Amino acid sequence: MKKFQRYFQFLLIVLSAGSIYPLIFLRSGYQETILAVFNLSAGQLNNIYTILGLAFVFGYFPSGWLADRFPAKKLLTLSLLMCGLAGLWFAQIPSHTSVLFIYMIWGIFSVFTFWSAHLRIVKLISSAEEEGRFFGVLDGGRGIVEAGLATGALFIFNRLSGGTDASDVVALQGVIYLYSFTMLLISMLVMLFVKEGPKSDEARRVDDESASQKKLGKEFISDMRVLMANKYVWLMGFIICFSYAVYWMIFYVGGFLQTNINISAIRVAGVMVVSLWMRPIGGIVGGFLADRFNKNMVLAIALISASSGLLALAVLPVTMPQLLFEGLVVYYSLMVFIVRGVYWSLLGACKIDVAMLGLGIGFISLIAYLPDVGTPLINSALLGVFGETVGQNAFLIYGAVLGTLGVMLIFVFNGLLKKERHDR
């Protein structure tokens, strides 16, 4: 691809990825308001996110198969369109049953038709020397989009919220509409301006029925055997799994600040917006550091730093200044976004053939994003056993422990690579 086409397509991928997830994870900054407006308990909201996580897990693996067969333009357009329309439904403050169905729609169209397709293109349009920065800018660029949207959402929420239940409903609706219409707009941009391009630069398509049947049969089984025999694929899956579990804490630290540290809802929302602005900084800086230094070591340092931040939040006395806890949340966010900006750049070391790249991404993602299912359940269990205050502390410690396990696996991954290079 020509340089302009390559970067323009990359920009649209970043816009797509940055706009499709914020509404799905709106709880990170507005959990207490969502509970009040939709008349939900914390346990019910966790159950909803467990259903969402199940949809994610069942969607990641086949999303790789889909990405190998259909153009990303069609997959990304469909994903943004359906998620945006579901958001308009969500803004009507429907019943609990309808909310469950909406989250199922989001789970399907933000992963099954979207996830592997967008990662596959980024891997194909980046050279081996650019992998770190491309995946870093992907996550950092997503962060710019998400932080910009979050800033606009906070402005809308503050303008419309008057401290009453009725005004909270209107304010939350305004936030939901902002995210929903943004997805619909970007879906049109993708549909109009993204070129399907040659097969080597985009999701591979199977052109005839016989080839399709072959891929569904013997070739698919053969590809899976190759992937499952690849030790780096398994290690990368679990490295991202433990890293992603640490990232999942970001959806709870806002609630932790509000319930355990007694910081106001509007101030918490402001802290979370600042945290979101750490994403472009962490993602882009992490990506460039990964290309300049050892990717594995950059990832390990950032992951242990993020885990340390969670541990400090959990064990420090609540009598400490509120500003300290807010600063720790921002520090943790910066470190965890460096992690997110780097971990997919390990893909090049896994030695996956381009013909099965989408399938490989889907298989890794099946392992990597298991926290989408388990984390809400573990949160509910810890709150049930220890109560809300102590349970929140235990939950953050749990995240720090998983992060430490992830660092250990990174050293194993790095050691195997060194041994392989030494044996050549």
Protein backbone atom coordinates (compact mmCIF):
# COMPACT_ATOMS: atom_id res chain seq x y z
CA MET A 1 0.00 0.00 0.00
CA LYS A 2 1.11 3.56 -0.61
CA LYS A 3 2.15 5.40 2.55
CA PHE A 4 -0.86 7.75 2.60
CA GLN A 5 -3.34 4.91 2.06
CA ARG A 6 -1.64 2.87 4.74
CA TYR A 7 -1.77 5.64 7.34
CA PHE A 8 -5.26 6.77 6.39
CA GLN A 9 -6.58 3.24 6.76
CA PHE A 10 -4.76 2.99 10.08
CA LEU A 11 -6.40 6.24 11.24
CA LEU A 12 -9.86 4.89 10.46
CA ILE A 13 -9.06 1.68 12.33
CA VAL A 14 -8.00 3.76 15.35
CA LEU A 15 -11.21 5.82 15.19
CA SER A 16 -13.28 2.66 14.95
CA ALA A 17 -11.54 0.96 17.87
CA GLY A 18 -11.67 4.12 19.97
CA SER A 19 -15.39 4.67 19.53
CA ILE A 20 -16.83 1.16 19.79
CA TYR A 21 -15.96 0.25 23.39
CA PRO A 22 -16.50 3.32 25.66
CA LEU A 23 -20.29 3.01 25.78
CA ILE A 24 -20.07 -0.71 26.52
CA PHE A 25 -17.85 0.05 29.54
CA LEU A 26 -19.62 3.21 30.66
CA ARG A 27 -19.60 1.88 34.21
CA SER A 28 -15.94 2.95 34.62
CA GLY A 29 -16.97 6.57 35.20
CA TYR A 30 -20.72 6.39 35.81
CA GLN A 31 -21.33 3.18 37.74
CA GLU A 32 -23.33 4.65 40.59
CA THR A 33 -25.45 6.74 38.22
CA ILE A 34 -26.15 3.69 36.02
CA LEU A 35 -27.23 1.70 39.08
CA ALA A 36 -29.62 4.45 40.14
CA VAL A 37 -31.07 5.31 36.70
CA PHE A 38 -31.60 1.68 35.62
CA ASN A 39 -32.63 0.60 39.13
CA LEU A 40 -29.93 -2.09 39.31
CA SER A 41 -27.91 -3.53 42.15
CA ALA A 42 -24.13 -3.92 41.94
CA GLY A 43 -24.65 -7.69 41.69
CA GLN A 44 -27.08 -7.31 38.78
CA LEU A 45 -24.63 -5.06 36.95
CA ASN A 46 -21.86 -7.61 37.50
CA ASN A 47 -24.14 -10.33 36.11
CA ILE A 48 -24.78 -8.20 33.01
CA TYR A 49 -21.03 -7.84 32.48
CA THR A 50 -20.60 -11.57 32.98
CA ILE A 51 -23.08 -12.17 30.12
CA LEU A 52 -21.16 -9.60 28.09
CA GLY A 53 -17.94 -11.41 28.89
CA LEU A 54 -19.41 -14.74 27.75
CA ALA A 55 -20.41 -13.15 24.45
CA PHE A 56 -16.85 -11.82 24.17
CA VAL A 57 -15.20 -15.17 24.90
CA PHE A 58 -17.42 -17.09 22.46
CA GLY A 59 -16.79 -14.39 19.86
CA TYR A 60 -13.02 -13.97 19.98
CA PHE A 61 -12.04 -17.29 18.40
CA PRO A 62 -14.54 -17.32 15.49
CA SER A 63 -13.76 -13.63 14.91
CA GLY A 64 -10.36 -14.77 13.67
CA TRP A 65 -11.93 -17.19 11.21
CA LEU A 66 -14.27 -14.41 10.05
CA ALA A 67 -11.38 -11.95 9.63
CA ASP A 68 -9.55 -14.39 7.35
CA ARG A 69 -12.56 -14.66 5.05
CA PHE A 70 -14.33 -11.29 4.77
CA PRO A 71 -13.16 -7.71 4.07
CA ALA A 72 -12.51 -5.61 7.16
CA LYS A 73 -14.47 -2.72 5.63
CA LYS A 74 -17.72 -4.69 5.81
CA LEU A 75 -16.98 -6.16 9.23
CA LEU A 76 -16.04 -2.83 10.82
CA THR A 77 -19.01 -1.00 9.27
CA LEU A 78 -21.47 -3.63 10.48
CA SER A 79 -19.95 -3.64 13.97
CA LEU A 80 -20.12 0.13 14.47
CA LEU A 81 -23.60 0.36 13.01
CA MET A 82 -25.10 -2.32 15.24
CA CYS A 83 -23.37 -1.08 18.40
CA GLY A 84 -24.52 2.48 17.69
CA LEU A 85 -28.13 1.41 17.13
CA ALA A 86 -28.07 -0.66 20.33
CA GLY A 87 -26.80 2.47 22.10
CA LEU A 88 -29.83 4.45 20.92
CA TRP A 89 -32.03 1.73 22.41
CA PHE A 90 -30.03 1.86 25.66
CA ALA A 91 -30.65 5.61 25.88
CA GLN A 92 -34.38 4.96 26.23
CA ILE A 93 -33.67 3.47 29.71
CA PRO A 94 -35.35 0.15 28.90
CA SER A 95 -36.19 -2.73 31.25
CA HIS A 96 -33.61 -4.99 32.86
CA THR A 97 -34.36 -7.74 30.32
CA SER A 98 -33.85 -5.33 27.43
CA VAL A 99 -30.57 -4.14 28.94
CA LEU A 100 -29.35 -7.75 29.01
CA PHE A 101 -30.23 -8.11 25.33
CA ILE A 102 -28.48 -4.82 24.47
CA TYR A 103 -25.27 -5.99 26.15
CA MET A 104 -25.48 -9.25 24.21
CA ILE A 105 -25.68 -7.23 20.97
CA TRP A 106 -22.67 -5.20 22.06
CA GLY A 107 -20.80 -8.37 22.96
CA ILE A 108 -21.40 -9.92 19.54
CA PHE A 109 -20.73 -6.92 17.33
CA SER A 110 -17.78 -5.46 19.24
CA VAL A 111 -15.87 -8.76 19.15
CA PHE A 112 -17.15 -11.40 16.70
CA THR A 113 -17.33 -9.05 13.71
CA PHE A 114 -14.75 -6.51 14.87
CA TRP A 115 -11.92 -7.73 17.07
CA SER A 116 -9.65 -9.92 14.94
CA ALA A 117 -10.45 -7.95 11.77
CA HIS A 118 -8.99 -4.71 13.12
CA LEU A 119 -5.93 -6.36 14.71
CA ARG A 120 -5.20 -8.38 11.58
CA ILE A 121 -5.01 -5.27 9.41
CA VAL A 122 -2.68 -3.52 11.85
CA LYS A 123 -0.34 -6.53 11.84
CA LEU A 124 -0.34 -6.69 8.03
CA ILE A 125 0.27 -2.99 7.39
CA SER A 126 3.15 -2.76 9.89
CA SER A 127 6.65 -4.02 9.23
CA ALA A 128 8.60 -6.04 11.80
CA GLU A 129 10.48 -2.87 12.81
CA GLU A 130 7.21 -0.94 13.25
CA GLU A 131 5.11 -3.47 15.15
CA GLY A 132 5.66 -1.91 18.55
CA ARG A 133 4.78 1.62 17.49
CA PHE A 134 1.82 0.56 15.34
CA PHE A 135 0.19 -1.44 18.12
CA GLY A 136 1.20 1.25 20.60
CA VAL A 137 -0.32 4.01 18.48
CA LEU A 138 -3.40 1.84 17.94
CA ASP A 139 -4.00 1.65 21.67
CA GLY A 140 -2.78 5.20 22.29
CA GLY A 141 -4.89 6.54 19.43
CA ARG A 142 -7.87 4.68 20.83
CA GLY A 143 -7.07 6.42 24.08
CA ILE A 144 -7.17 9.86 22.44
CA VAL A 145 -10.55 9.06 20.91
CA GLU A 146 -11.89 7.62 24.16
CA ALA A 147 -10.52 10.44 26.32
CA GLY A 148 -11.90 13.05 23.92
CA LEU A 149 -15.30 11.41 24.01
CA ALA A 150 -15.10 11.04 27.79
CA THR A 151 -14.29 14.72 28.16
CA GLY A 152 -17.29 15.64 26.03
CA ALA A 153 -19.44 13.19 27.98
CA LEU A 154 -18.34 14.71 31.29
CA PHE A 155 -19.20 18.19 30.01
CA ILE A 156 -22.66 17.01 28.98
CA PHE A 157 -23.19 15.18 32.28
CA ASN A 158 -22.16 18.19 34.37
CA ARG A 159 -24.37 20.57 32.36
CA LEU A 160 -27.45 18.35 32.54
CA SER A 161 -27.10 16.90 36.02
CA GLY A 162 -28.84 18.96 38.67
CA GLY A 163 -28.54 16.66 41.64
CA THR A 164 -32.02 15.13 41.25
CA ASP A 165 -33.03 11.68 40.02
CA ALA A 166 -34.80 13.15 36.99
CA SER A 167 -31.81 15.26 35.99
CA ASP A 168 -29.48 12.26 36.40
CA VAL A 169 -31.61 10.36 33.88
CA VAL A 170 -31.40 13.20 31.36
CA ALA A 171 -27.66 13.63 31.95
CA LEU A 172 -26.94 9.92 31.46
CA GLN A 173 -29.08 9.87 28.33
CA GLY A 174 -27.05 12.76 26.94
CA VAL A 175 -23.83 10.82 27.53
CA ILE A 176 -25.24 7.67 25.86
CA TYR A 177 -26.45 9.64 22.83
CA LEU A 178 -22.99 11.18 22.39
CA TYR A 179 -21.32 7.77 22.21
CA SER A 180 -24.04 6.21 20.05
CA PHE A 181 -24.10 8.91 17.36
CA THR A 182 -20.30 8.92 17.25
CA MET A 183 -20.28 5.21 16.38
CA LEU A 184 -22.92 5.73 13.68
CA LEU A 185 -20.91 8.59 12.17
CA ILE A 186 -17.66 6.59 12.09
CA SER A 187 -19.47 3.60 10.58
CA MET A 188 -20.41 5.84 7.65
CA LEU A 189 -16.82 7.09 7.30
CA VAL A 190 -15.54 3.52 7.20
CA MET A 191 -18.18 2.54 4.66
CA LEU A 192 -17.38 5.52 2.41
CA PHE A 193 -13.60 5.79 2.62
CA VAL A 194 -12.03 2.48 3.57
CA LYS A 195 -10.92 0.56 0.51
CA GLU A 196 -11.17 -3.21 0.58
CA GLY A 197 -7.76 -3.33 -1.04
CA PRO A 198 -5.78 -6.31 -2.25
CA LYS A 199 -6.02 -9.59 -0.39
CA SER A 200 -2.49 -9.38 0.93
CA ASP A 201 -3.29 -6.15 2.75
CA GLU A 202 -6.72 -7.00 4.03
CA ALA A 203 -8.70 -9.89 5.41
CA ARG A 204 -8.21 -12.87 3.13
CA ARG A 205 -11.35 -13.87 1.24
CA VAL A 206 -12.18 -17.33 -0.03
CA ASP A 207 -13.51 -16.89 -3.58
CA ASP A 208 -15.12 -20.18 -4.46
CA GLU A 209 -17.21 -22.81 -2.76
CA SER A 210 -14.68 -25.62 -3.05
CA ALA A 211 -11.97 -23.51 -1.39
CA SER A 212 -14.46 -22.55 1.29
CA GLN A 213 -15.29 -26.17 2.05
CA LYS A 214 -11.61 -27.00 2.16
CA LYS A 215 -10.96 -24.22 4.66
CA LEU A 216 -13.87 -25.33 6.82
CA GLY A 217 -12.54 -28.89 6.82
CA LYS A 218 -9.05 -30.28 6.57
CA GLU A 219 -7.23 -26.95 6.30
CA PHE A 220 -8.96 -25.55 9.38
CA ILE A 221 -8.02 -28.61 11.44
CA SER A 222 -4.46 -28.47 10.13
CA ASP A 223 -4.17 -24.76 11.02
CA MET A 224 -5.48 -25.42 14.53
CA ARG A 225 -2.96 -28.20 15.09
CA VAL A 226 -0.14 -25.86 14.08
CA LEU A 227 -1.38 -23.10 16.37
CA MET A 228 -1.92 -25.39 19.36
CA ALA A 229 1.60 -26.79 18.96
CA ASN A 230 3.06 -23.27 19.10
CA LYS A 231 4.28 -22.63 22.66
CA TYR A 232 4.56 -18.89 22.03
CA VAL A 233 0.86 -18.68 21.14
CA TRP A 234 -0.09 -20.22 24.49
CA LEU A 235 2.34 -18.06 26.44
CA MET A 236 1.21 -14.89 24.71
CA GLY A 237 -2.41 -15.78 25.40
CA PHE A 238 -1.80 -16.12 29.13
CA ILE A 239 0.50 -13.08 29.31
CA ILE A 240 -2.28 -10.95 27.86
CA CYS A 241 -4.83 -12.74 30.08
CA PHE A 242 -3.05 -11.75 33.30
CA SER A 243 -2.25 -8.28 31.94
CA TYR A 244 -5.85 -7.77 30.88
CA ALA A 245 -7.04 -8.79 34.35
CA VAL A 246 -4.92 -5.96 35.75
CA TYR A 247 -6.46 -3.61 33.17
CA TRP A 248 -9.97 -4.74 34.21
CA MET A 249 -9.40 -3.06 37.57
CA ILE A 250 -9.83 0.29 35.84
CA PHE A 251 -13.56 -0.35 35.69
CA TYR A 252 -13.66 -0.63 39.48
CA VAL A 253 -11.17 1.93 40.78
CA GLY A 254 -13.72 4.71 40.22
CA GLY A 255 -16.22 2.88 42.43
CA PHE A 256 -13.41 2.24 44.94
CA LEU A 257 -12.65 5.97 45.16
CA GLN A 258 -16.33 6.77 45.65
CA THR A 259 -17.25 4.07 48.18
CA ASN A 260 -13.99 3.49 50.10
CA ILE A 261 -12.38 6.94 49.95
CA ASN A 262 -15.68 8.94 49.92
CA ILE A 263 -14.80 11.06 46.89
CA SER A 264 -17.79 12.70 45.15
CA ALA A 265 -19.26 11.21 41.97
CA ILE A 266 -18.39 14.23 39.80
CA ARG A 267 -14.82 14.34 41.15
CA VAL A 268 -14.44 10.59 40.50
CA ALA A 269 -15.68 11.07 36.95
CA GLY A 270 -13.04 13.79 36.53
CA VAL A 271 -10.27 11.50 37.83
CA MET A 272 -11.37 8.78 35.42
CA VAL A 273 -11.25 11.24 32.51
CA VAL A 274 -7.67 12.15 33.49
CA SER A 275 -6.93 8.41 33.66
CA LEU A 276 -8.30 7.94 30.17
CA TRP A 277 -5.93 10.63 28.91
CA MET A 278 -3.12 8.40 30.18
CA ARG A 279 -4.03 5.94 27.44
CA PRO A 280 -2.62 7.89 24.49
CA ILE A 281 0.47 8.76 26.52
CA GLY A 282 1.02 5.23 27.76
CA GLY A 283 0.15 3.49 24.50
CA ILE A 284 2.28 5.65 22.23
CA VAL A 285 5.25 5.93 24.61
CA GLY A 286 5.07 2.20 25.33
CA GLY A 287 4.98 1.34 21.63
CA PHE A 288 8.06 3.41 20.81
CA LEU A 289 9.93 2.05 23.84
CA ALA A 290 9.07 -1.48 22.71
CA ASP A 291 10.64 -0.85 19.30
CA ARG A 292 13.72 0.79 20.83
CA PHE A 293 14.33 -1.67 23.67
CA ASN A 294 13.33 -5.24 24.49
CA LYS A 295 9.52 -5.53 24.11
CA ASN A 296 9.29 -8.16 26.82
CA MET A 297 11.20 -6.13 29.39
CA VAL A 298 9.22 -2.96 28.68
CA LEU A 299 6.03 -4.99 29.19
CA ALA A 300 7.31 -6.61 32.39
CA ILE A 301 8.35 -3.30 33.98
CA ALA A 302 5.05 -1.63 33.13
CA LEU A 303 3.00 -4.59 34.36
CA ILE A 304 4.75 -4.85 37.73
CA SER A 305 4.43 -1.07 38.12
CA ALA A 306 0.67 -1.19 37.45
CA SER A 307 0.31 -4.08 39.92
CA SER A 308 2.22 -2.10 42.55
CA GLY A 309 -0.16 0.81 42.06
CA LEU A 310 -3.15 -1.46 42.69
CA LEU A 311 -1.51 -2.91 45.80
CA ALA A 312 -0.82 0.58 47.18
CA LEU A 313 -4.45 1.59 46.63
CA ALA A 314 -5.60 -1.48 48.53
CA VAL A 315 -3.31 -1.31 51.57
CA LEU A 316 -2.85 2.40 52.26
CA PRO A 317 -4.98 3.75 55.14
CA VAL A 318 -8.11 5.59 53.97
CA THR A 319 -7.11 8.46 56.26
CA MET A 320 -4.37 9.39 53.77
CA PRO A 321 -5.12 12.48 51.60
CA GLN A 322 -7.69 11.85 48.87
CA LEU A 323 -5.33 13.43 46.37
CA LEU A 324 -2.85 10.61 47.00
CA PHE A 325 -5.42 7.97 46.05
CA GLU A 326 -6.41 9.96 42.98
CA GLY A 327 -2.75 10.21 41.98
CA LEU A 328 -2.29 6.46 42.42
CA VAL A 329 -5.25 5.78 40.14
CA VAL A 330 -3.70 8.01 37.46
CA TYR A 331 -0.27 6.34 37.93
CA TYR A 332 -1.81 2.86 37.70
CA SER A 333 -3.70 3.95 34.58
CA LEU A 334 -0.53 5.22 32.87
CA MET A 335 1.31 1.96 33.58
CA VAL A 336 -1.57 -0.29 32.53
CA PHE A 337 -1.98 1.61 29.26
CA ILE A 338 1.72 1.09 28.52
CA VAL A 339 1.00 -2.60 29.05
CA ARG A 340 -1.93 -2.48 26.63
CA GLY A 341 0.15 -0.64 24.08
CA VAL A 342 2.86 -3.28 24.11
CA TYR A 343 1.37 -6.73 24.63
CA TRP A 344 -0.02 -7.28 21.13
CA SER A 345 3.37 -6.38 19.65
CA LEU A 346 4.58 -9.79 20.88
CA LEU A 347 2.57 -11.26 17.99
CA GLY A 348 5.53 -11.09 15.60
CA ALA A 349 7.57 -13.36 17.88
CA CYS A 350 4.90 -16.07 17.73
CA LYS A 351 5.80 -16.96 14.11
CA ILE A 352 2.23 -17.36 12.87
CA ASP A 353 1.85 -17.78 9.10
CA VAL A 354 -0.07 -14.91 7.49
CA ALA A 355 -2.61 -17.36 6.02
CA MET A 356 -3.76 -18.26 9.54
CA LEU A 357 -3.05 -14.90 11.19
CA GLY A 358 -6.69 -14.08 11.88
CA LEU A 359 -7.26 -17.54 13.32
CA GLY A 360 -4.16 -17.13 15.48
CA ILE A 361 -5.35 -13.77 16.81
CA GLY A 362 -8.73 -15.31 17.57
CA PHE A 363 -7.17 -18.26 19.41
CA ILE A 364 -4.88 -16.02 21.46
CA SER A 365 -7.81 -13.74 22.24
CA LEU A 366 -9.91 -16.69 23.43
CA ILE A 367 -7.34 -17.23 26.20
CA ALA A 368 -6.38 -13.58 26.66
CA TYR A 369 -9.81 -12.16 27.38
CA LEU A 370 -11.15 -14.75 29.81
CA PRO A 371 -11.15 -11.99 32.48
CA ASP A 372 -14.19 -10.55 30.65
CA VAL A 373 -16.13 -13.47 32.15
CA GLY A 374 -14.31 -14.17 35.38
CA THR A 375 -13.58 -10.71 36.74
CA PRO A 376 -17.18 -9.57 37.46
CA LEU A 377 -17.92 -12.94 39.11
CA ILE A 378 -14.83 -12.71 41.31
CA ASN A 379 -15.73 -9.13 42.24
CA SER A 380 -19.23 -10.22 43.29
CA ALA A 381 -17.79 -13.17 45.26
CA LEU A 382 -15.29 -11.02 47.15
CA LEU A 383 -17.90 -8.39 47.95
CA GLY A 384 -20.21 -11.15 49.19
CA VAL A 385 -17.56 -12.67 51.45
CA PHE A 386 -15.86 -9.54 52.80
CA GLY A 387 -18.46 -6.82 52.36
CA GLU A 388 -18.24 -3.79 50.08
CA THR A 389 -15.30 -1.94 51.67
CA VAL A 390 -12.94 -4.83 52.47
CA GLY A 391 -14.11 -6.66 49.35
CA GLN A 392 -12.95 -3.78 47.14
CA ASN A 393 -9.51 -3.91 48.78
CA ALA A 394 -9.31 -7.69 48.31
CA PHE A 395 -10.29 -7.29 44.67
CA LEU A 396 -7.45 -4.85 43.98
CA ILE A 397 -4.98 -7.21 45.70
CA TYR A 398 -6.29 -10.03 43.49
CA GLY A 399 -5.48 -7.88 40.43
CA ALA A 400 -1.96 -7.20 41.72
CA VAL A 401 -1.32 -10.92 42.23
CA LEU A 402 -2.41 -11.76 38.67
CA GLY A 403 -0.15 -9.01 37.36
CA THR A 404 2.81 -10.57 39.17
CA LEU A 405 2.02 -13.95 37.59
CA GLY A 406 1.94 -12.22 34.20
CA VAL A 407 5.43 -10.81 34.76
CA MET A 408 6.71 -14.33 35.52
CA LEU A 409 5.30 -15.60 32.21
CA ILE A 410 6.93 -12.70 30.33
CA PHE A 411 10.31 -13.83 31.65
CA VAL A 412 9.56 -17.38 30.48
CA PHE A 413 8.56 -16.06 27.03
CA ASN A 414 11.73 -13.95 26.81
CA GLY A 415 13.91 -16.83 27.98
CA LEU A 416 12.55 -19.17 25.30
CA LEU A 417 13.22 -16.57 22.60
CA LYS A 418 16.80 -16.10 23.81
CA LYS A 419 17.37 -19.85 23.91
CA GLU A 420 16.00 -20.23 20.38
CA ARG A 421 18.30 -17.48 19.06
CA HIS A 422 21.27 -19.02 20.88
CA ASP A 423 20.57 -22.48 19.43
CA ARG A 424 20.55 -21.24 15.83
